[in-house]
Amino acid sequence: MPKRLVRPASCALLFLLFFLVSSCTEKPEAPIEPPPPDGGVSFGGDIQPLFARYGCTGCHGSPGNSGYSVLTHAAVFGPGFEAVSRGMMEVVAARPDTSYLLWKIEGAGPNGEPITGERMPRGGGPMAAADIELLRTWISEGALDN
């Protein structure tokens, strides 16, 4: 009986299978350290009043036209329509630079990426730097419902 030679299609299939399996073994990102139990920045005590002070709840009191609400801790994670169109979430716990909410409030992403639409809050001027830092700290601490 003559020996069968391996067909080129079989070799290509084996190579493709090897490539797909090896590409699925990428290393995961380092685990996010949990924030300290005492939190620091409080959603109910610091962040909700911040949204109220700047009038965010007027337009984002329910998902409405923007698809985004800031009324509850769960709702703040969104995402709203603009974040979805970019493949982002409004708030990513412990990752302020990938939280679209901060992009909208700062007027751009951390590397100058443009935002969709207007900088928030609309009307009345931008948030004070100290208030933006408070929001950034809350997200960095894990965006807890405390």
N, C-alpha and C. Protein backbone atom coordinates (compact mmCIF):
# COMPACT_ATOMS: atom_id res chain seq x y z
N MET A 1 0.83 -1.15 0.00
CA MET A 1 0.00 0.00 0.00
C MET A 1 0.90 1.24 0.00
N PRO A 2 0.64 2.16 -0.91
CA PRO A 2 1.49 3.36 -0.98
C PRO A 2 1.17 4.29 0.20
N LYS A 3 2.22 5.02 0.63
CA LYS A 3 2.06 5.99 1.71
C LYS A 3 1.28 7.19 1.21
N ARG A 4 0.41 7.69 2.05
CA ARG A 4 -0.34 8.91 1.68
C ARG A 4 0.45 10.12 2.12
N LEU A 5 0.55 11.05 1.26
CA LEU A 5 1.19 12.30 1.61
C LEU A 5 0.15 13.23 2.23
N VAL A 6 0.60 14.06 3.15
CA VAL A 6 -0.30 15.01 3.79
C VAL A 6 -0.66 16.08 2.76
N ARG A 7 -1.91 16.32 2.63
CA ARG A 7 -2.37 17.31 1.66
C ARG A 7 -2.09 18.72 2.16
N PRO A 8 -1.84 19.65 1.26
CA PRO A 8 -1.60 21.04 1.67
C PRO A 8 -2.78 21.64 2.44
N ALA A 9 -3.99 21.28 2.08
CA ALA A 9 -5.16 21.81 2.79
C ALA A 9 -5.17 21.33 4.24
N SER A 10 -4.75 20.10 4.48
CA SER A 10 -4.69 19.58 5.84
C SER A 10 -3.65 20.33 6.66
N CYS A 11 -2.52 20.61 6.04
CA CYS A 11 -1.47 21.38 6.73
C CYS A 11 -1.97 22.78 7.07
N ALA A 12 -2.65 23.40 6.14
CA ALA A 12 -3.17 24.75 6.38
C ALA A 12 -4.19 24.72 7.52
N LEU A 13 -5.04 23.70 7.53
CA LEU A 13 -6.04 23.58 8.58
C LEU A 13 -5.38 23.38 9.94
N LEU A 14 -4.35 22.54 10.01
CA LEU A 14 -3.63 22.32 11.26
C LEU A 14 -2.95 23.61 11.72
N PHE A 15 -2.35 24.34 10.81
CA PHE A 15 -1.69 25.60 11.14
C PHE A 15 -2.71 26.60 11.68
N LEU A 16 -3.86 26.71 11.03
CA LEU A 16 -4.90 27.63 11.46
C LEU A 16 -5.41 27.25 12.85
N LEU A 17 -5.61 25.96 13.09
CA LEU A 17 -6.07 25.49 14.38
C LEU A 17 -5.04 25.83 15.47
N PHE A 18 -3.77 25.59 15.20
CA PHE A 18 -2.70 25.92 16.14
C PHE A 18 -2.69 27.42 16.43
N PHE A 19 -2.82 28.24 15.38
CA PHE A 19 -2.81 29.69 15.55
C PHE A 19 -3.97 30.16 16.41
N LEU A 20 -5.17 29.63 16.15
CA LEU A 20 -6.34 30.03 16.93
C LEU A 20 -6.21 29.62 18.40
N VAL A 21 -5.73 28.42 18.65
CA VAL A 21 -5.58 27.95 20.02
C VAL A 21 -4.52 28.76 20.75
N SER A 22 -3.41 29.06 20.10
CA SER A 22 -2.34 29.80 20.76
C SER A 22 -2.73 31.25 20.99
N SER A 23 -3.59 31.82 20.14
CA SER A 23 -3.99 33.21 20.33
C SER A 23 -4.99 33.36 21.47
N CYS A 24 -5.60 32.29 21.91
CA CYS A 24 -6.57 32.34 23.00
C CYS A 24 -5.91 32.26 24.36
N THR A 25 -4.61 32.22 24.40
CA THR A 25 -3.93 32.08 25.68
C THR A 25 -3.25 33.36 26.11
N GLU A 26 -3.79 34.51 25.69
CA GLU A 26 -3.18 35.76 26.10
C GLU A 26 -3.30 35.92 27.60
N LYS A 27 -2.35 36.63 28.18
CA LYS A 27 -2.34 36.82 29.62
C LYS A 27 -3.40 37.84 30.00
N PRO A 28 -4.18 37.53 31.03
CA PRO A 28 -5.18 38.51 31.49
C PRO A 28 -4.49 39.70 32.14
N GLU A 29 -5.20 40.82 32.19
CA GLU A 29 -4.67 41.98 32.87
C GLU A 29 -4.51 41.66 34.34
N ALA A 30 -3.65 42.42 34.99
CA ALA A 30 -3.46 42.23 36.42
C ALA A 30 -4.78 42.45 37.14
N PRO A 31 -5.06 41.65 38.14
CA PRO A 31 -6.34 41.82 38.85
C PRO A 31 -6.39 43.19 39.51
N ILE A 32 -7.60 43.72 39.56
CA ILE A 32 -7.80 45.02 40.19
C ILE A 32 -7.85 44.80 41.69
N GLU A 33 -7.04 45.56 42.39
CA GLU A 33 -7.05 45.47 43.85
C GLU A 33 -8.35 46.06 44.37
N PRO A 34 -9.02 45.39 45.29
CA PRO A 34 -10.26 45.97 45.84
C PRO A 34 -9.92 47.22 46.64
N PRO A 35 -10.81 48.20 46.63
CA PRO A 35 -10.56 49.40 47.41
C PRO A 35 -10.65 49.10 48.90
N PRO A 36 -10.08 49.96 49.71
CA PRO A 36 -10.20 49.74 51.15
C PRO A 36 -11.67 49.78 51.57
N PRO A 37 -12.04 49.03 52.62
CA PRO A 37 -13.44 48.95 53.01
C PRO A 37 -14.06 50.31 53.36
N ASP A 38 -13.28 51.25 53.88
CA ASP A 38 -13.87 52.53 54.26
C ASP A 38 -14.13 53.42 53.05
N GLY A 39 -13.69 53.02 51.85
CA GLY A 39 -14.02 53.71 50.60
C GLY A 39 -13.36 55.05 50.44
N GLY A 40 -13.74 56.02 51.17
CA GLY A 40 -13.20 57.35 50.95
C GLY A 40 -14.28 58.25 50.37
N VAL A 41 -14.53 58.14 49.08
CA VAL A 41 -15.57 58.93 48.42
C VAL A 41 -16.85 58.12 48.42
N SER A 42 -17.92 58.75 48.83
CA SER A 42 -19.22 58.09 48.96
C SER A 42 -20.12 58.44 47.78
N PHE A 43 -20.77 57.44 47.20
CA PHE A 43 -21.71 57.72 46.12
C PHE A 43 -22.87 58.58 46.63
N GLY A 44 -23.51 58.13 47.71
CA GLY A 44 -24.66 58.86 48.24
C GLY A 44 -24.30 60.20 48.86
N GLY A 45 -23.14 60.27 49.50
CA GLY A 45 -22.75 61.50 50.20
C GLY A 45 -21.99 62.50 49.36
N ASP A 46 -21.30 62.04 48.32
CA ASP A 46 -20.45 62.93 47.51
C ASP A 46 -20.86 63.02 46.04
N ILE A 47 -21.12 61.88 45.42
CA ILE A 47 -21.33 61.85 43.97
C ILE A 47 -22.75 62.26 43.59
N GLN A 48 -23.76 61.72 44.25
CA GLN A 48 -25.13 62.14 43.94
C GLN A 48 -25.33 63.64 44.15
N PRO A 49 -24.85 64.22 45.27
CA PRO A 49 -24.99 65.67 45.43
C PRO A 49 -24.23 66.46 44.35
N LEU A 50 -23.13 65.93 43.89
CA LEU A 50 -22.38 66.58 42.81
C LEU A 50 -23.23 66.64 41.53
N PHE A 51 -23.87 65.51 41.20
CA PHE A 51 -24.74 65.49 40.02
C PHE A 51 -25.90 66.48 40.18
N ALA A 52 -26.46 66.56 41.38
CA ALA A 52 -27.57 67.48 41.62
C ALA A 52 -27.11 68.94 41.54
N ARG A 53 -25.95 69.24 42.11
CA ARG A 53 -25.43 70.61 42.12
C ARG A 53 -25.20 71.15 40.72
N TYR A 54 -24.74 70.31 39.82
CA TYR A 54 -24.46 70.74 38.45
C TYR A 54 -25.64 70.56 37.51
N GLY A 55 -26.77 70.14 38.05
CA GLY A 55 -27.97 70.01 37.24
C GLY A 55 -28.00 68.80 36.33
N CYS A 56 -27.14 67.82 36.59
CA CYS A 56 -27.08 66.62 35.75
C CYS A 56 -28.39 65.84 35.79
N THR A 57 -29.05 65.89 36.94
CA THR A 57 -30.28 65.12 37.08
C THR A 57 -31.43 65.70 36.26
N GLY A 58 -31.31 66.97 35.83
CA GLY A 58 -32.35 67.56 35.00
C GLY A 58 -32.50 66.84 33.67
N CYS A 59 -31.38 66.53 33.03
CA CYS A 59 -31.41 65.81 31.73
C CYS A 59 -31.21 64.32 31.89
N HIS A 60 -30.49 63.92 32.94
CA HIS A 60 -30.14 62.51 33.12
C HIS A 60 -30.80 61.93 34.36
N GLY A 61 -32.02 62.42 34.65
CA GLY A 61 -32.77 61.90 35.79
C GLY A 61 -33.46 60.59 35.47
N SER A 62 -33.56 60.29 34.19
CA SER A 62 -34.07 59.01 33.71
C SER A 62 -33.35 58.77 32.39
N PRO A 63 -33.34 57.55 31.90
CA PRO A 63 -32.60 57.30 30.65
C PRO A 63 -33.03 58.20 29.49
N GLY A 64 -34.30 58.54 29.37
CA GLY A 64 -34.78 59.49 28.38
C GLY A 64 -34.08 59.49 27.04
N ASN A 65 -33.85 60.68 26.51
CA ASN A 65 -33.27 60.83 25.17
C ASN A 65 -31.82 60.35 25.08
N SER A 66 -31.05 60.54 26.15
CA SER A 66 -29.64 60.17 26.10
C SER A 66 -29.41 58.69 26.38
N GLY A 67 -30.41 58.04 26.95
CA GLY A 67 -30.23 56.64 27.33
C GLY A 67 -29.41 56.49 28.58
N TYR A 68 -29.22 57.59 29.35
CA TYR A 68 -28.33 57.55 30.51
C TYR A 68 -28.96 58.28 31.69
N SER A 69 -28.85 57.69 32.87
CA SER A 69 -29.38 58.29 34.09
C SER A 69 -28.30 58.29 35.18
N VAL A 70 -28.32 59.35 36.00
CA VAL A 70 -27.39 59.44 37.13
C VAL A 70 -28.13 59.35 38.47
N LEU A 71 -29.39 58.95 38.45
CA LEU A 71 -30.19 58.95 39.68
C LEU A 71 -29.80 57.88 40.68
N THR A 72 -29.38 56.71 40.21
CA THR A 72 -29.04 55.63 41.13
C THR A 72 -27.63 55.13 40.83
N HIS A 73 -27.08 54.44 41.80
CA HIS A 73 -25.74 53.87 41.62
C HIS A 73 -25.72 52.93 40.42
N ALA A 74 -26.70 52.05 40.33
CA ALA A 74 -26.73 51.09 39.21
C ALA A 74 -26.84 51.81 37.87
N ALA A 75 -27.65 52.85 37.81
CA ALA A 75 -27.87 53.56 36.54
C ALA A 75 -26.62 54.29 36.06
N VAL A 76 -25.78 54.75 36.97
CA VAL A 76 -24.58 55.50 36.60
C VAL A 76 -23.64 54.67 35.73
N PHE A 77 -23.71 53.36 35.85
CA PHE A 77 -22.84 52.50 35.05
C PHE A 77 -23.30 52.42 33.60
N GLY A 78 -24.52 52.89 33.34
CA GLY A 78 -25.04 53.02 31.98
C GLY A 78 -25.08 51.72 31.21
N PRO A 79 -24.72 51.77 29.99
CA PRO A 79 -24.18 52.91 29.24
C PRO A 79 -25.26 53.70 28.53
N GLY A 80 -24.94 54.94 28.25
CA GLY A 80 -25.80 55.78 27.43
C GLY A 80 -25.52 55.53 25.95
N PHE A 81 -26.30 56.18 25.10
CA PHE A 81 -26.18 55.96 23.66
C PHE A 81 -24.79 56.30 23.12
N GLU A 82 -24.20 57.40 23.57
CA GLU A 82 -22.89 57.80 23.07
C GLU A 82 -21.80 56.80 23.46
N ALA A 83 -21.85 56.35 24.70
CA ALA A 83 -20.86 55.36 25.14
C ALA A 83 -20.99 54.07 24.34
N VAL A 84 -22.22 53.64 24.11
CA VAL A 84 -22.45 52.42 23.33
C VAL A 84 -21.89 52.58 21.92
N SER A 85 -22.10 53.75 21.32
CA SER A 85 -21.61 53.97 19.95
C SER A 85 -20.09 53.90 19.88
N ARG A 86 -19.42 54.07 21.00
CA ARG A 86 -17.96 53.99 21.05
C ARG A 86 -17.46 52.66 21.61
N GLY A 87 -18.39 51.79 21.99
CA GLY A 87 -17.99 50.51 22.58
C GLY A 87 -17.45 50.69 23.99
N MET A 88 -17.95 51.70 24.71
CA MET A 88 -17.45 52.00 26.05
C MET A 88 -18.59 51.88 27.06
N MET A 89 -18.21 51.96 28.32
CA MET A 89 -19.18 52.05 29.41
C MET A 89 -19.03 53.43 30.04
N GLU A 90 -20.10 53.93 30.65
CA GLU A 90 -20.04 55.25 31.29
C GLU A 90 -19.05 55.25 32.45
N VAL A 91 -19.13 54.24 33.29
CA VAL A 91 -18.23 54.13 34.44
C VAL A 91 -17.65 52.73 34.45
N VAL A 92 -16.33 52.66 34.51
CA VAL A 92 -15.63 51.38 34.64
C VAL A 92 -14.91 51.44 35.98
N ALA A 93 -15.41 50.67 36.95
CA ALA A 93 -14.87 50.71 38.31
C ALA A 93 -13.36 50.54 38.31
N ALA A 94 -12.69 51.40 39.05
CA ALA A 94 -11.24 51.41 39.22
C ALA A 94 -10.47 51.83 37.96
N ARG A 95 -11.17 52.27 36.93
CA ARG A 95 -10.51 52.67 35.68
C ARG A 95 -11.10 53.99 35.16
N PRO A 96 -10.73 55.08 35.78
CA PRO A 96 -11.32 56.36 35.39
C PRO A 96 -11.00 56.77 33.95
N ASP A 97 -9.83 56.42 33.45
CA ASP A 97 -9.46 56.85 32.09
C ASP A 97 -10.24 56.13 31.00
N THR A 98 -10.91 55.03 31.34
CA THR A 98 -11.74 54.34 30.35
C THR A 98 -13.23 54.52 30.66
N SER A 99 -13.55 55.45 31.55
CA SER A 99 -14.94 55.75 31.90
C SER A 99 -15.41 56.94 31.07
N TYR A 100 -16.38 56.69 30.19
CA TYR A 100 -16.84 57.73 29.28
C TYR A 100 -17.48 58.92 30.01
N LEU A 101 -18.02 58.70 31.19
CA LEU A 101 -18.58 59.80 31.97
C LEU A 101 -17.51 60.87 32.21
N LEU A 102 -16.32 60.46 32.59
CA LEU A 102 -15.24 61.43 32.81
C LEU A 102 -14.83 62.11 31.51
N TRP A 103 -14.82 61.37 30.41
CA TRP A 103 -14.49 61.98 29.12
C TRP A 103 -15.46 63.12 28.83
N LYS A 104 -16.76 62.85 29.04
CA LYS A 104 -17.78 63.87 28.75
C LYS A 104 -17.63 65.08 29.67
N ILE A 105 -17.32 64.86 30.92
CA ILE A 105 -17.19 65.96 31.87
C ILE A 105 -15.90 66.74 31.64
N GLU A 106 -14.82 66.06 31.24
CA GLU A 106 -13.56 66.74 30.99
C GLU A 106 -13.48 67.32 29.57
N GLY A 107 -14.36 66.87 28.69
CA GLY A 107 -14.38 67.40 27.33
C GLY A 107 -13.53 66.63 26.35
N ALA A 108 -12.81 65.62 26.81
CA ALA A 108 -11.97 64.79 25.94
C ALA A 108 -11.49 63.57 26.73
N GLY A 109 -10.98 62.59 26.00
CA GLY A 109 -10.39 61.43 26.65
C GLY A 109 -9.03 61.79 27.24
N PRO A 110 -8.39 60.86 27.96
CA PRO A 110 -7.12 61.15 28.62
C PRO A 110 -5.98 61.48 27.65
N ASN A 111 -6.11 61.05 26.41
CA ASN A 111 -5.08 61.33 25.41
C ASN A 111 -5.59 62.29 24.35
N GLY A 112 -6.59 63.08 24.73
CA GLY A 112 -7.15 64.06 23.81
C GLY A 112 -8.18 63.51 22.84
N GLU A 113 -8.65 62.27 23.08
CA GLU A 113 -9.66 61.68 22.21
C GLU A 113 -10.90 62.57 22.23
N PRO A 114 -11.49 62.82 21.07
CA PRO A 114 -12.68 63.66 21.04
C PRO A 114 -13.89 62.93 21.61
N ILE A 115 -14.81 63.69 22.17
CA ILE A 115 -16.06 63.13 22.65
C ILE A 115 -17.11 63.33 21.58
N THR A 116 -18.21 62.61 21.72
CA THR A 116 -19.35 62.81 20.84
C THR A 116 -20.25 63.85 21.50
N GLY A 117 -20.71 64.81 20.73
CA GLY A 117 -21.61 65.82 21.29
C GLY A 117 -20.89 66.85 22.13
N GLU A 118 -21.62 67.40 23.09
CA GLU A 118 -21.12 68.49 23.92
C GLU A 118 -20.48 68.01 25.21
N ARG A 119 -19.59 68.86 25.73
CA ARG A 119 -19.02 68.63 27.05
C ARG A 119 -20.13 68.78 28.08
N MET A 120 -20.08 67.98 29.13
CA MET A 120 -21.08 68.04 30.19
C MET A 120 -20.45 68.66 31.43
N PRO A 121 -21.23 69.26 32.29
CA PRO A 121 -22.65 69.49 32.15
C PRO A 121 -22.94 70.63 31.18
N ARG A 122 -24.05 70.51 30.52
CA ARG A 122 -24.44 71.50 29.52
C ARG A 122 -24.97 72.75 30.22
N GLY A 123 -24.55 73.90 29.77
CA GLY A 123 -25.02 75.16 30.36
C GLY A 123 -24.39 75.38 31.73
N GLY A 124 -24.09 76.61 32.05
CA GLY A 124 -23.55 76.90 33.37
C GLY A 124 -22.06 76.65 33.52
N GLY A 125 -21.37 76.25 32.49
CA GLY A 125 -19.93 76.06 32.57
C GLY A 125 -19.51 74.68 33.04
N PRO A 126 -18.24 74.37 32.90
CA PRO A 126 -17.73 73.04 33.27
C PRO A 126 -17.67 72.85 34.78
N MET A 127 -17.55 71.60 35.19
CA MET A 127 -17.38 71.28 36.60
C MET A 127 -16.04 71.84 37.07
N ALA A 128 -16.00 72.20 38.34
CA ALA A 128 -14.74 72.66 38.95
C ALA A 128 -13.75 71.49 38.97
N ALA A 129 -12.49 71.82 38.86
CA ALA A 129 -11.43 70.79 38.84
C ALA A 129 -11.50 69.90 40.08
N ALA A 130 -11.79 70.48 41.24
CA ALA A 130 -11.87 69.69 42.48
C ALA A 130 -13.03 68.70 42.41
N ASP A 131 -14.13 69.09 41.78
CA ASP A 131 -15.27 68.18 41.66
C ASP A 131 -14.99 67.07 40.66
N ILE A 132 -14.28 67.39 39.59
CA ILE A 132 -13.88 66.35 38.62
C ILE A 132 -12.94 65.36 39.30
N GLU A 133 -12.04 65.88 40.12
CA GLU A 133 -11.10 65.00 40.84
C GLU A 133 -11.84 64.11 41.83
N LEU A 134 -12.88 64.64 42.46
CA LEU A 134 -13.69 63.84 43.38
C LEU A 134 -14.35 62.68 42.63
N LEU A 135 -14.90 62.96 41.46
CA LEU A 135 -15.51 61.92 40.63
C LEU A 135 -14.47 60.90 40.19
N ARG A 136 -13.30 61.38 39.78
CA ARG A 136 -12.20 60.50 39.37
C ARG A 136 -11.77 59.60 40.53
N THR A 137 -11.68 60.16 41.72
CA THR A 137 -11.29 59.38 42.89
C THR A 137 -12.32 58.31 43.21
N TRP A 138 -13.61 58.68 43.13
CA TRP A 138 -14.66 57.70 43.38
C TRP A 138 -14.53 56.52 42.42
N ILE A 139 -14.32 56.81 41.15
CA ILE A 139 -14.16 55.72 40.16
C ILE A 139 -12.90 54.92 40.47
N SER A 140 -11.79 55.60 40.78
CA SER A 140 -10.52 54.92 41.09
C SER A 140 -10.65 54.00 42.28
N GLU A 141 -11.46 54.39 43.25
CA GLU A 141 -11.67 53.59 44.46
C GLU A 141 -12.60 52.41 44.23
N GLY A 142 -13.11 52.26 43.01
CA GLY A 142 -13.96 51.12 42.69
C GLY A 142 -15.41 51.49 42.44
N ALA A 143 -15.73 52.80 42.43
CA ALA A 143 -17.10 53.26 42.16
C ALA A 143 -18.12 52.55 43.03
N LEU A 144 -17.85 52.54 44.32
CA LEU A 144 -18.68 51.81 45.28
C LEU A 144 -20.01 52.50 45.54
N ASP A 145 -20.99 51.69 45.94
CA ASP A 145 -22.29 52.20 46.36
C ASP A 145 -22.24 52.28 47.88
N ASN A 146 -21.56 53.28 48.39
CA ASN A 146 -21.37 53.42 49.83
C ASN A 146 -21.90 54.74 50.34
